[in-house]
Amino acid sequence: MRFRVHVHPGSSRAEVGGEHDGALVVRVKQRAIDGHATEAVLAALAQVFGVAKRDVHVVSGLASRRKTVEIAGDHIEARLDALLQGDHAS
């Protein structure tokens, strides 16, 4: 399943949940230097969706706060809906 994420690098806490302009908000502690924030985003998404990190891919926006990601797995859509509605996962 493909969807958009809005990344907040350098956040005081790591958290996935909420919505910004139709995109899932992902807060990570890592700064956007040398891809560290993107790697943290992929790891956070894998954890909250219960999939392996290798099943999460950036489709577009690799160097942007606004990314399109694709996740393979079951029940992704239901979990995404809950996270967009404000169900936060750390």
PDB file of N, CA and C in Angstrom:
ATOM      1  N   MET A   1       0.846  -1.166   0.000  1.00  0.00           N
ATOM      2  CA  MET A   1       0.000   0.000   0.000  1.00  0.00           C
ATOM      3  C   MET A   1       0.897   1.236   0.000  1.00  0.00           C
ATOM      4  N   ARG A   2       0.533   2.227  -0.788  1.00  0.00           N
ATOM      5  CA  ARG A   2       1.274   3.495  -0.853  1.00  0.00           C
ATOM      6  C   ARG A   2       0.500   4.598  -0.132  1.00  0.00           C
ATOM      7  N   PHE A   3       1.256   5.424   0.588  1.00  0.00           N
ATOM      8  CA  PHE A   3       0.659   6.585   1.236  1.00  0.00           C
ATOM      9  C   PHE A   3       1.742   7.622   1.489  1.00  0.00           C
ATOM     10  N   ARG A   4       1.318   8.843   1.826  1.00  0.00           N
ATOM     11  CA  ARG A   4       2.252   9.935   2.059  1.00  0.00           C
ATOM     12  C   ARG A   4       2.544  10.087   3.548  1.00  0.00           C
ATOM     13  N   VAL A   5       3.762  10.495   3.849  1.00  0.00           N
ATOM     14  CA  VAL A   5       4.149  10.815   5.223  1.00  0.00           C
ATOM     15  C   VAL A   5       4.749  12.205   5.257  1.00  0.00           C
ATOM     16  N   HIS A   6       4.570  12.870   6.379  1.00  0.00           N
ATOM     17  CA  HIS A   6       5.162  14.181   6.633  1.00  0.00           C
ATOM     18  C   HIS A   6       6.127  13.990   7.800  1.00  0.00           C
ATOM     19  N   VAL A   7       7.409  14.209   7.545  1.00  0.00           N
ATOM     20  CA  VAL A   7       8.456  13.910   8.517  1.00  0.00           C
ATOM     21  C   VAL A   7       8.839  15.154   9.313  1.00  0.00           C
ATOM     22  N   HIS A   8       8.983  14.984  10.625  1.00  0.00           N
ATOM     23  CA  HIS A   8       9.499  16.017  11.526  1.00  0.00           C
ATOM     24  C   HIS A   8      10.838  15.522  12.070  1.00  0.00           C
ATOM     25  N   PRO A   9      11.947  15.816  11.378  1.00  0.00           N
ATOM     26  CA  PRO A   9      13.254  15.378  11.883  1.00  0.00           C
ATOM     27  C   PRO A   9      13.687  16.230  13.075  1.00  0.00           C
ATOM     28  N   GLY A  10      14.535  15.681  13.930  1.00  0.00           N
ATOM     29  CA  GLY A  10      15.048  16.423  15.077  1.00  0.00           C
ATOM     30  C   GLY A  10      14.004  16.694  16.137  1.00  0.00           C
ATOM     31  N   SER A  11      12.973  15.877  16.189  1.00  0.00           N
ATOM     32  CA  SER A  11      11.911  16.036  17.179  1.00  0.00           C
ATOM     33  C   SER A  11      12.409  15.601  18.556  1.00  0.00           C
ATOM     34  N   SER A  12      11.788  16.114  19.586  1.00  0.00           N
ATOM     35  CA  SER A  12      12.183  15.745  20.947  1.00  0.00           C
ATOM     36  C   SER A  12      11.754  14.326  21.303  1.00  0.00           C
ATOM     37  N   ARG A  13      10.777  13.794  20.560  1.00  0.00           N
ATOM     38  CA  ARG A  13      10.339  12.424  20.795  1.00  0.00           C
ATOM     39  C   ARG A  13      10.029  11.755  19.458  1.00  0.00           C
ATOM     40  N   ALA A  14      10.232  10.457  19.406  1.00  0.00           N
ATOM     41  CA  ALA A  14       9.904   9.678  18.215  1.00  0.00           C
ATOM     42  C   ALA A  14       8.457   9.223  18.343  1.00  0.00           C
ATOM     43  N   GLU A  15       7.663   9.491  17.293  1.00  0.00           N
ATOM     44  CA  GLU A  15       6.240   9.190  17.377  1.00  0.00           C
ATOM     45  C   GLU A  15       5.655   9.114  15.968  1.00  0.00           C
ATOM     46  N   VAL A  16       4.711   8.224  15.777  1.00  0.00           N
ATOM     47  CA  VAL A  16       3.997   8.101  14.513  1.00  0.00           C
ATOM     48  C   VAL A  16       2.520   8.270  14.815  1.00  0.00           C
ATOM     49  N   GLY A  17       1.875   9.214  14.135  1.00  0.00           N
ATOM     50  CA  GLY A  17       0.438   9.398  14.316  1.00  0.00           C
ATOM     51  C   GLY A  17       0.028  10.829  14.075  1.00  0.00           C
ATOM     52  N   GLY A  18      -1.196  10.985  13.666  1.00  0.00           N
ATOM     53  CA  GLY A  18      -1.730  12.292  13.331  1.00  0.00           C
ATOM     54  C   GLY A  18      -1.661  12.513  11.832  1.00  0.00           C
ATOM     55  N   GLU A  19      -2.222  13.634  11.414  1.00  0.00           N
ATOM     56  CA  GLU A  19      -2.333  13.909   9.996  1.00  0.00           C
ATOM     57  C   GLU A  19      -1.941  15.355   9.716  1.00  0.00           C
ATOM     58  N   HIS A  20      -1.211  15.571   8.641  1.00  0.00           N
ATOM     59  CA  HIS A  20      -0.839  16.906   8.183  1.00  0.00           C
ATOM     60  C   HIS A  20      -1.043  16.946   6.678  1.00  0.00           C
ATOM     61  N   ASP A  21      -2.029  17.713   6.231  1.00  0.00           N
ATOM     62  CA  ASP A  21      -2.331  17.821   4.796  1.00  0.00           C
ATOM     63  C   ASP A  21      -2.573  16.464   4.143  1.00  0.00           C
ATOM     64  N   GLY A  22      -3.246  15.567   4.842  1.00  0.00           N
ATOM     65  CA  GLY A  22      -3.557  14.255   4.305  1.00  0.00           C
ATOM     66  C   GLY A  22      -2.447  13.228   4.434  1.00  0.00           C
ATOM     67  N   ALA A  23      -1.323  13.629   5.020  1.00  0.00           N
ATOM     68  CA  ALA A  23      -0.181  12.717   5.167  1.00  0.00           C
ATOM     69  C   ALA A  23      -0.037  12.290   6.622  1.00  0.00           C
ATOM     70  N   LEU A  24       0.460  11.079   6.836  1.00  0.00           N
ATOM     71  CA  LEU A  24       0.728  10.565   8.173  1.00  0.00           C
ATOM     72  C   LEU A  24       1.954  11.276   8.749  1.00  0.00           C
ATOM     73  N   VAL A  25       1.854  11.786   9.962  1.00  0.00           N
ATOM     74  CA  VAL A  25       2.962  12.494  10.606  1.00  0.00           C
ATOM     75  C   VAL A  25       3.888  11.482  11.281  1.00  0.00           C
ATOM     76  N   VAL A  26       5.186  11.616  10.977  1.00  0.00           N
ATOM     77  CA  VAL A  26       6.208  10.768  11.579  1.00  0.00           C
ATOM     78  C   VAL A  26       7.260  11.681  12.191  1.00  0.00           C
ATOM     79  N   ARG A  27       7.391  11.631  13.510  1.00  0.00           N
ATOM     80  CA  ARG A  27       8.405  12.415  14.216  1.00  0.00           C
ATOM     81  C   ARG A  27       9.571  11.498  14.580  1.00  0.00           C
ATOM     82  N   VAL A  28      10.785  11.947  14.256  1.00  0.00           N
ATOM     83  CA  VAL A  28      11.980  11.170  14.590  1.00  0.00           C
ATOM     84  C   VAL A  28      12.995  12.077  15.260  1.00  0.00           C
ATOM     85  N   LYS A  29      13.791  11.513  16.139  1.00  0.00           N
ATOM     86  CA  LYS A  29      14.813  12.283  16.856  1.00  0.00           C
ATOM     87  C   LYS A  29      16.007  12.620  15.974  1.00  0.00           C
ATOM     88  N   GLN A  30      16.290  11.784  14.991  1.00  0.00           N
ATOM     89  CA  GLN A  30      17.449  11.991  14.132  1.00  0.00           C
ATOM     90  C   GLN A  30      17.249  13.222  13.249  1.00  0.00           C
ATOM     91  N   ARG A  31      18.346  13.899  12.993  1.00  0.00           N
ATOM     92  CA  ARG A  31      18.336  15.058  12.103  1.00  0.00           C
ATOM     93  C   ARG A  31      18.421  14.593  10.650  1.00  0.00           C
ATOM     94  N   ALA A  32      18.030  15.467   9.756  1.00  0.00           N
ATOM     95  CA  ALA A  32      18.046  15.165   8.324  1.00  0.00           C
ATOM     96  C   ALA A  32      19.453  15.366   7.757  1.00  0.00           C
ATOM     97  N   ILE A  33      20.384  14.578   8.247  1.00  0.00           N
ATOM     98  CA  ILE A  33      21.773  14.651   7.800  1.00  0.00           C
ATOM     99  C   ILE A  33      22.175  13.261   7.319  1.00  0.00           C
ATOM    100  N   ASP A  34      22.683  13.195   6.094  1.00  0.00           N
ATOM    101  CA  ASP A  34      23.169  11.930   5.517  1.00  0.00           C
ATOM    102  C   ASP A  34      22.130  10.806   5.553  1.00  0.00           C
ATOM    103  N   GLY A  35      20.859  11.136   5.448  1.00  0.00           N
ATOM    104  CA  GLY A  35      19.819  10.118   5.386  1.00  0.00           C
ATOM    105  C   GLY A  35      19.429   9.493   6.711  1.00  0.00           C
ATOM    106  N   HIS A  36      19.961  10.022   7.817  1.00  0.00           N
ATOM    107  CA  HIS A  36      19.654   9.428   9.128  1.00  0.00           C
ATOM    108  C   HIS A  36      18.164   9.536   9.473  1.00  0.00           C
ATOM    109  N   ALA A  37      17.544  10.662   9.162  1.00  0.00           N
ATOM    110  CA  ALA A  37      16.121  10.829   9.466  1.00  0.00           C
ATOM    111  C   ALA A  37      15.280   9.872   8.623  1.00  0.00           C
ATOM    112  N   THR A  38      15.622   9.719   7.366  1.00  0.00           N
ATOM    113  CA  THR A  38      14.874   8.801   6.499  1.00  0.00           C
ATOM    114  C   THR A  38      14.983   7.373   7.001  1.00  0.00           C
ATOM    115  N   GLU A  39      16.168   6.947   7.399  1.00  0.00           N
ATOM    116  CA  GLU A  39      16.340   5.602   7.949  1.00  0.00           C
ATOM    117  C   GLU A  39      15.496   5.419   9.209  1.00  0.00           C
ATOM    118  N   ALA A  40      15.443   6.443  10.052  1.00  0.00           N
ATOM    119  CA  ALA A  40      14.640   6.373  11.269  1.00  0.00           C
ATOM    120  C   ALA A  40      13.148   6.298  10.941  1.00  0.00           C
ATOM    121  N   VAL A  41      12.723   7.008   9.913  1.00  0.00           N
ATOM    122  CA  VAL A  41      11.327   6.959   9.480  1.00  0.00           C
ATOM    123  C   VAL A  41      10.962   5.552   9.018  1.00  0.00           C
ATOM    124  N   LEU A  42      11.808   4.957   8.200  1.00  0.00           N
ATOM    125  CA  LEU A  42      11.542   3.602   7.708  1.00  0.00           C
ATOM    126  C   LEU A  42      11.466   2.606   8.862  1.00  0.00           C
ATOM    127  N   ALA A  43      12.368   2.735   9.819  1.00  0.00           N
ATOM    128  CA  ALA A  43      12.359   1.838  10.985  1.00  0.00           C
ATOM    129  C   ALA A  43      11.098   2.043  11.818  1.00  0.00           C
ATOM    130  N   ALA A  44      10.702   3.301  12.030  1.00  0.00           N
ATOM    131  CA  ALA A  44       9.504   3.594  12.825  1.00  0.00           C
ATOM    132  C   ALA A  44       8.254   3.054  12.143  1.00  0.00           C
ATOM    133  N   LEU A  45       8.146   3.230  10.834  1.00  0.00           N
ATOM    134  CA  LEU A  45       6.988   2.726  10.106  1.00  0.00           C
ATOM    135  C   LEU A  45       6.942   1.203  10.152  1.00  0.00           C
ATOM    136  N   ALA A  46       8.074   0.551   9.988  1.00  0.00           N
ATOM    137  CA  ALA A  46       8.111  -0.910  10.068  1.00  0.00           C
ATOM    138  C   ALA A  46       7.615  -1.381  11.425  1.00  0.00           C
ATOM    139  N   GLN A  47       8.045  -0.696  12.473  1.00  0.00           N
ATOM    140  CA  GLN A  47       7.643  -1.096  13.825  1.00  0.00           C
ATOM    141  C   GLN A  47       6.145  -0.918  14.043  1.00  0.00           C
ATOM    142  N   VAL A  48       5.590   0.245  13.705  1.00  0.00           N
ATOM    143  CA  VAL A  48       4.172   0.480  14.007  1.00  0.00           C
ATOM    144  C   VAL A  48       3.243  -0.332  13.119  1.00  0.00           C
ATOM    145  N   PHE A  49       3.703  -0.702  11.921  1.00  0.00           N
ATOM    146  CA  PHE A  49       2.866  -1.518  11.048  1.00  0.00           C
ATOM    147  C   PHE A  49       3.141  -3.005  11.205  1.00  0.00           C
ATOM    148  N   GLY A  50       4.126  -3.355  12.021  1.00  0.00           N
ATOM    149  CA  GLY A  50       4.407  -4.753  12.306  1.00  0.00           C
ATOM    150  C   GLY A  50       4.957  -5.527  11.123  1.00  0.00           C
ATOM    151  N   VAL A  51       5.805  -4.860  10.338  1.00  0.00           N
ATOM    152  CA  VAL A  51       6.424  -5.515   9.182  1.00  0.00           C
ATOM    153  C   VAL A  51       7.943  -5.403   9.303  1.00  0.00           C
ATOM    154  N   ALA A  52       8.644  -6.150   8.490  1.00  0.00           N
ATOM    155  CA  ALA A  52      10.101  -6.050   8.455  1.00  0.00           C
ATOM    156  C   ALA A  52      10.505  -4.749   7.765  1.00  0.00           C
ATOM    157  N   LYS A  53      11.620  -4.198   8.180  1.00  0.00           N
ATOM    158  CA  LYS A  53      12.098  -2.945   7.593  1.00  0.00           C
ATOM    159  C   LYS A  53      12.276  -3.079   6.080  1.00  0.00           C
ATOM    160  N   ARG A  54      12.630  -4.263   5.605  1.00  0.00           N
ATOM    161  CA  ARG A  54      12.825  -4.469   4.169  1.00  0.00           C
ATOM    162  C   ARG A  54      11.513  -4.348   3.385  1.00  0.00           C
ATOM    163  N   ASP A  55      10.359  -4.361   4.083  1.00  0.00           N
ATOM    164  CA  ASP A  55       9.057  -4.242   3.435  1.00  0.00           C
ATOM    165  C   ASP A  55       8.565  -2.803   3.342  1.00  0.00           C
ATOM    166  N   VAL A  56       9.379  -1.843   3.799  1.00  0.00           N
ATOM    167  CA  VAL A  56       9.025  -0.427   3.760  1.00  0.00           C
ATOM    168  C   VAL A  56       9.982   0.270   2.801  1.00  0.00           C
ATOM    169  N   HIS A  57       9.421   0.961   1.796  1.00  0.00           N
ATOM    170  CA  HIS A  57      10.242   1.605   0.774  1.00  0.00           C
ATOM    171  C   HIS A  57       9.787   3.041   0.525  1.00  0.00           C
ATOM    172  N   VAL A  58      10.736   3.930   0.299  1.00  0.00           N
ATOM    173  CA  VAL A  58      10.428   5.295  -0.126  1.00  0.00           C
ATOM    174  C   VAL A  58      10.254   5.263  -1.635  1.00  0.00           C
ATOM    175  N   VAL A  59       9.079   5.665  -2.105  1.00  0.00           N
ATOM    176  CA  VAL A  59       8.777   5.685  -3.530  1.00  0.00           C
ATOM    177  C   VAL A  59       9.196   7.019  -4.133  1.00  0.00           C
ATOM    178  N   SER A  60       8.948   8.113  -3.395  1.00  0.00           N
ATOM    179  CA  SER A  60       9.363   9.437  -3.843  1.00  0.00           C
ATOM    180  C   SER A  60       9.593  10.326  -2.634  1.00  0.00           C
ATOM    181  N   GLY A  61      10.431  11.355  -2.825  1.00  0.00           N
ATOM    182  CA  GLY A  61      10.701  12.305  -1.758  1.00  0.00           C
ATOM    183  C   GLY A  61      11.807  11.871  -0.821  1.00  0.00           C
ATOM    184  N   LEU A  62      12.779  11.148  -1.321  1.00  0.00           N
ATOM    185  CA  LEU A  62      13.849  10.603  -0.479  1.00  0.00           C
ATOM    186  C   LEU A  62      14.531  11.684   0.361  1.00  0.00           C
ATOM    187  N   ALA A  63      14.757  12.868  -0.199  1.00  0.00           N
ATOM    188  CA  ALA A  63      15.440  13.943   0.521  1.00  0.00           C
ATOM    189  C   ALA A  63      14.478  15.040   0.971  1.00  0.00           C
ATOM    190  N   SER A  64      13.209  14.722   1.069  1.00  0.00           N
ATOM    191  CA  SER A  64      12.182  15.704   1.417  1.00  0.00           C
ATOM    192  C   SER A  64      11.476  15.331   2.712  1.00  0.00           C
ATOM    193  N   ARG A  65      10.869  16.325   3.348  1.00  0.00           N
ATOM    194  CA  ARG A  65      10.030  16.027   4.520  1.00  0.00           C
ATOM    195  C   ARG A  65       8.756  15.311   4.092  1.00  0.00           C
ATOM    196  N   ARG A  66       8.352  15.535   2.867  1.00  0.00           N
ATOM    197  CA  ARG A  66       7.139  14.942   2.309  1.00  0.00           C
ATOM    198  C   ARG A  66       7.547  13.737   1.466  1.00  0.00           C
ATOM    199  N   LYS A  67       7.179  12.546   1.881  1.00  0.00           N
ATOM    200  CA  LYS A  67       7.586  11.328   1.191  1.00  0.00           C
ATOM    201  C   LYS A  67       6.362  10.493   0.846  1.00  0.00           C
ATOM    202  N   THR A  68       6.493   9.719  -0.197  1.00  0.00           N
ATOM    203  CA  THR A  68       5.516   8.681  -0.496  1.00  0.00           C
ATOM    204  C   THR A  68       6.215   7.367  -0.190  1.00  0.00           C
ATOM    205  N   VAL A  69       5.578   6.566   0.648  1.00  0.00           N
ATOM    206  CA  VAL A  69       6.163   5.279   1.032  1.00  0.00           C
ATOM    207  C   VAL A  69       5.231   4.154   0.601  1.00  0.00           C
ATOM    208  N   GLU A  70       5.817   2.984   0.477  1.00  0.00           N
ATOM    209  CA  GLU A  70       5.047   1.793   0.156  1.00  0.00           C
ATOM    210  C   GLU A  70       5.385   0.729   1.195  1.00  0.00           C
ATOM    211  N   ILE A  71       4.341   0.102   1.735  1.00  0.00           N
ATOM    212  CA  ILE A  71       4.529  -0.940   2.741  1.00  0.00           C
ATOM    213  C   ILE A  71       3.774  -2.181   2.291  1.00  0.00           C
ATOM    214  N   ALA A  72       4.481  -3.297   2.305  1.00  0.00           N
ATOM    215  CA  ALA A  72       3.865  -4.582   1.981  1.00  0.00           C
ATOM    216  C   ALA A  72       3.459  -5.258   3.282  1.00  0.00           C
ATOM    217  N   GLY A  73       2.285  -5.837   3.302  1.00  0.00           N
ATOM    218  CA  GLY A  73       1.846  -6.551   4.496  1.00  0.00           C
ATOM    219  C   GLY A  73       0.340  -6.536   4.640  1.00  0.00           C
ATOM    220  N   ASP A  74      -0.132  -7.252   5.647  1.00  0.00           N
ATOM    221  CA  ASP A  74      -1.565  -7.349   5.911  1.00  0.00           C
ATOM    222  C   ASP A  74      -2.011  -6.250   6.874  1.00  0.00           C
ATOM    223  N   HIS A  75      -3.246  -5.834   6.759  1.00  0.00           N
ATOM    224  CA  HIS A  75      -3.895  -4.907   7.692  1.00  0.00           C
ATOM    225  C   HIS A  75      -3.252  -3.517   7.714  1.00  0.00           C
ATOM    226  N   ILE A  76      -2.538  -3.155   6.667  1.00  0.00           N
ATOM    227  CA  ILE A  76      -1.876  -1.850   6.605  1.00  0.00           C
ATOM    228  C   ILE A  76      -2.907  -0.733   6.568  1.00  0.00           C
ATOM    229  N   GLU A  77      -3.935  -0.880   5.757  1.00  0.00           N
ATOM    230  CA  GLU A  77      -4.931   0.174   5.590  1.00  0.00           C
ATOM    231  C   GLU A  77      -5.666   0.483   6.889  1.00  0.00           C
ATOM    232  N   ALA A  78      -6.061  -0.530   7.631  1.00  0.00           N
ATOM    233  CA  ALA A  78      -6.774  -0.314   8.894  1.00  0.00           C
ATOM    234  C   ALA A  78      -5.883   0.393   9.911  1.00  0.00           C
ATOM    235  N   ARG A  79      -4.627  -0.022   9.998  1.00  0.00           N
ATOM    236  CA  ARG A  79      -3.688   0.609  10.940  1.00  0.00           C
ATOM    237  C   ARG A  79      -3.403   2.042  10.521  1.00  0.00           C
ATOM    238  N   LEU A  80      -3.263   2.290   9.213  1.00  0.00           N
ATOM    239  CA  LEU A  80      -3.028   3.641   8.707  1.00  0.00           C
ATOM    240  C   LEU A  80      -4.195   4.553   9.071  1.00  0.00           C
ATOM    241  N   ASP A  81      -5.418   4.083   8.882  1.00  0.00           N
ATOM    242  CA  ASP A  81      -6.594   4.886   9.229  1.00  0.00           C
ATOM    243  C   ASP A  81      -6.585   5.269  10.703  1.00  0.00           C
ATOM    244  N   ALA A  82      -6.258   4.328  11.580  1.00  0.00           N
ATOM    245  CA  ALA A  82      -6.212   4.610  13.016  1.00  0.00           C
ATOM    246  C   ALA A  82      -5.125   5.641  13.332  1.00  0.00           C
ATOM    247  N   LEU A  83      -3.963   5.520  12.708  1.00  0.00           N
ATOM    248  CA  LEU A  83      -2.865   6.463  12.957  1.00  0.00           C
ATOM    249  C   LEU A  83      -3.207   7.854  12.447  1.00  0.00           C
ATOM    250  N   LEU A  84      -3.857   7.945  11.289  1.00  0.00           N
ATOM    251  CA  LEU A  84      -4.246   9.249  10.756  1.00  0.00           C
ATOM    252  C   LEU A  84      -5.276   9.929  11.649  1.00  0.00           C
ATOM    253  N   GLN A  85      -6.102   9.133  12.327  1.00  0.00           N
ATOM    254  CA  GLN A  85      -7.125   9.681  13.212  1.00  0.00           C
ATOM    255  C   GLN A  85      -6.554  10.144  14.561  1.00  0.00           C
ATOM    256  N   GLY A  86      -5.271   9.927  14.761  1.00  0.00           N
ATOM    257  CA  GLY A  86      -4.655  10.422  15.986  1.00  0.00           C
ATOM    258  C   GLY A  86      -4.186   9.359  16.938  1.00  0.00           C
ATOM    259  N   ASP A  87      -4.348   8.090  16.599  1.00  0.00           N
ATOM    260  CA  ASP A  87      -3.810   7.010  17.421  1.00  0.00           C
ATOM    261  C   ASP A  87      -2.280   7.065  17.288  1.00  0.00           C
ATOM    262  N   HIS A  88      -1.584   7.447  18.325  1.00  0.00           N
ATOM    263  CA  HIS A  88      -0.128   7.622  18.266  1.00  0.00           C
ATOM    264  C   HIS A  88       0.595   6.365  18.719  1.00  0.00           C
ATOM    265  N   ALA A  89       1.680   6.080  18.025  1.00  0.00           N
ATOM    266  CA  ALA A  89       2.550   4.968  18.402  1.00  0.00           C
ATOM    267  C   ALA A  89       3.961   5.503  18.565  1.00  0.00           C
ATOM    268  N   SER A  90       4.621   5.088  19.606  1.00  0.00           N
ATOM    269  CA  SER A  90       5.999   5.531  19.842  1.00  0.00           C
ATOM    270  C   SER A  90       6.978   4.489  19.370  1.00  0.00           C
TER     271      SER A  90
END
